[in-house]
Protein backbone atom coordinates (compact mmCIF):
# COMPACT_ATOMS: atom_id res chain seq x y z
CA UNK A 1 -31.48 8.82 173.39
CA UNK A 2 -28.30 10.06 175.62
CA UNK A 3 -28.43 13.88 176.41
CA UNK A 4 -25.07 15.26 174.98
CA UNK A 5 -23.90 18.20 177.06
CA UNK A 6 -23.95 21.76 175.98
CA UNK A 7 -20.47 22.17 175.82
CA UNK A 8 -19.82 18.97 173.43
CA UNK A 9 -23.00 20.03 171.51
CA UNK A 10 -21.47 23.52 170.60
CA UNK A 11 -18.13 21.90 169.68
CA UNK A 12 -19.99 19.43 167.41
CA UNK A 13 -21.71 22.29 165.75
CA UNK A 14 -18.46 23.91 165.77
CA UNK A 15 -17.37 20.86 163.75
CA UNK A 16 -20.31 21.13 161.54
CA UNK A 17 -20.33 24.73 160.71
CA UNK A 18 -16.76 25.58 159.87
CA UNK A 19 -15.77 23.16 157.26
CA UNK A 20 -18.84 24.68 155.36
CA UNK A 21 -17.49 28.27 156.02
CA UNK A 22 -13.96 27.14 154.83
CA UNK A 23 -15.44 26.03 151.67
CA UNK A 24 -17.33 29.59 151.39
CA UNK A 25 -14.23 31.65 151.97
CA UNK A 26 -11.94 29.29 149.65
CA UNK A 27 -14.41 30.02 146.85
CA UNK A 28 -14.64 33.74 147.58
CA UNK A 29 -11.08 33.71 147.55
CA UNK A 30 -10.97 32.50 143.74
CA UNK A 31 -13.81 34.93 142.89
CA UNK A 32 -11.64 37.79 144.23
CA UNK A 33 -8.30 36.30 142.42
CA UNK A 34 -10.35 36.20 139.41
CA UNK A 35 -12.28 39.38 139.91
CA UNK A 36 -11.75 42.66 138.07
CA UNK A 37 -10.45 44.67 141.93
CA UNK A 38 -8.20 47.28 141.13
CA UNK A 39 -6.57 46.50 144.21
CA UNK A 40 -6.79 42.89 145.21
CA UNK A 41 -4.41 42.42 148.02
CA UNK A 42 -6.51 44.05 151.02
CA UNK A 43 -9.27 41.62 150.30
CA UNK A 44 -6.99 38.73 149.91
CA UNK A 45 -5.32 39.35 153.28
CA UNK A 46 -8.62 39.82 155.21
CA UNK A 47 -10.13 36.53 153.26
CA UNK A 48 -6.66 34.70 154.39
CA UNK A 49 -6.79 35.92 157.73
CA UNK A 50 -10.11 34.67 158.05
CA UNK A 51 -9.16 31.10 157.00
CA UNK A 52 -6.41 30.92 158.94
CA UNK A 53 -8.46 31.45 161.82
CA UNK A 54 -11.10 29.19 160.65
CA UNK A 55 -8.68 26.33 160.21
CA UNK A 56 -7.26 26.89 163.77
CA UNK A 57 -10.66 27.03 165.32
CA UNK A 58 -11.35 23.89 163.57
CA UNK A 59 -8.37 22.04 164.47
CA UNK A 60 -9.17 22.67 168.28
CA UNK A 61 -12.76 21.16 167.74
CA UNK A 62 -11.58 18.40 165.82
CA UNK A 63 -8.67 17.63 168.46
CA UNK A 64 -11.68 17.86 171.02
CA UNK A 65 -13.84 15.49 169.40
CA UNK A 66 -10.94 12.99 168.78
CA UNK A 67 -9.98 13.14 172.43
CA UNK A 68 -13.31 12.33 173.43
CA UNK A 69 -14.28 9.85 170.65
CA UNK A 70 -17.11 11.69 169.29
CA UNK A 71 -17.66 11.47 165.57
CA UNK A 72 -19.81 13.75 163.40
CA UNK A 73 -21.31 12.56 159.97
CA UNK A 74 -23.51 13.68 157.50
CA UNK A 75 -25.93 10.90 156.48
CA UNK A 76 -27.89 12.77 153.48
CA UNK A 77 -28.75 16.15 152.37
CA UNK A 78 -32.29 17.14 150.99
CA UNK A 79 -33.82 20.19 149.65
CA UNK A 80 -34.96 21.34 153.17
CA UNK A 81 -32.98 19.52 155.56
CA UNK A 82 -29.36 17.90 156.06
CA UNK A 83 -29.17 14.69 158.20
CA UNK A 84 -26.18 14.17 160.67
CA UNK A 85 -25.29 11.19 162.88
CA UNK A 86 -23.69 12.12 165.97
CA UNK A 87 -21.74 9.29 167.92
CA UNK A 88 -21.26 10.07 171.64
CA UNK A 89 -19.82 7.86 174.16
CA UNK A 90 -20.95 4.77 172.09
CA UNK A 91 -24.55 6.11 171.48
CA UNK A 92 -25.76 7.33 168.05
CA UNK A 93 -28.15 10.13 167.68
CA UNK A 94 -29.40 11.58 164.29
CA UNK A 95 -30.09 15.16 164.12
CA UNK A 96 -31.69 17.28 161.34
CA UNK A 97 -30.74 20.67 160.34
CA UNK A 98 -32.90 23.18 158.37
CA UNK A 99 -30.88 24.06 155.48
CA UNK A 100 -31.67 27.77 155.91
CA UNK A 101 -30.46 27.85 159.47
CA UNK A 102 -27.26 26.20 158.48
CA UNK A 103 -26.80 29.00 155.82
CA UNK A 104 -27.56 31.69 158.40
CA UNK A 105 -25.19 30.43 160.71
CA UNK A 106 -22.42 30.25 158.51
CA UNK A 107 -23.29 33.71 157.32
CA UNK A 108 -22.77 34.94 160.97
CA UNK A 109 -19.60 33.02 161.18
CA UNK A 110 -18.20 34.47 157.86
CA UNK A 111 -19.08 38.05 159.52
CA UNK A 112 -17.52 37.17 162.75
CA UNK A 113 -14.24 35.64 160.97
CA UNK A 114 -13.62 38.39 158.40
CA UNK A 115 -14.20 41.18 161.30
CA UNK A 116 -11.57 39.29 163.35
CA UNK A 117 -9.11 38.68 160.36
CA UNK A 118 -9.39 42.47 159.96
CA UNK A 119 -8.79 43.06 163.77
CA UNK A 120 -5.58 41.03 163.75
């Protein structure tokens, strides 16, 4: 088993979390559009800014993975764990992520991107 450098591992994890976060934000956007808010546009602006920032960061991560020939794929999802395979410099590694950890990290990122979108 090869040891993936911390910088590449961070980018790999970014490539795992940001698509999940995009899905959450897109669903929230639909809920805001359909919701009974008196004034929707401020909420929509914040969510759309967050979506834009997440897409930008995800593109940077995917470009790095493509450049370094790193591949990340979800293998299987179970009740408690999700397994991913990382192909790094010709070596394949399997990693299990605890689903509550994935959710908690997405929640942290959601908070970060919503605040970032609000500050721009």
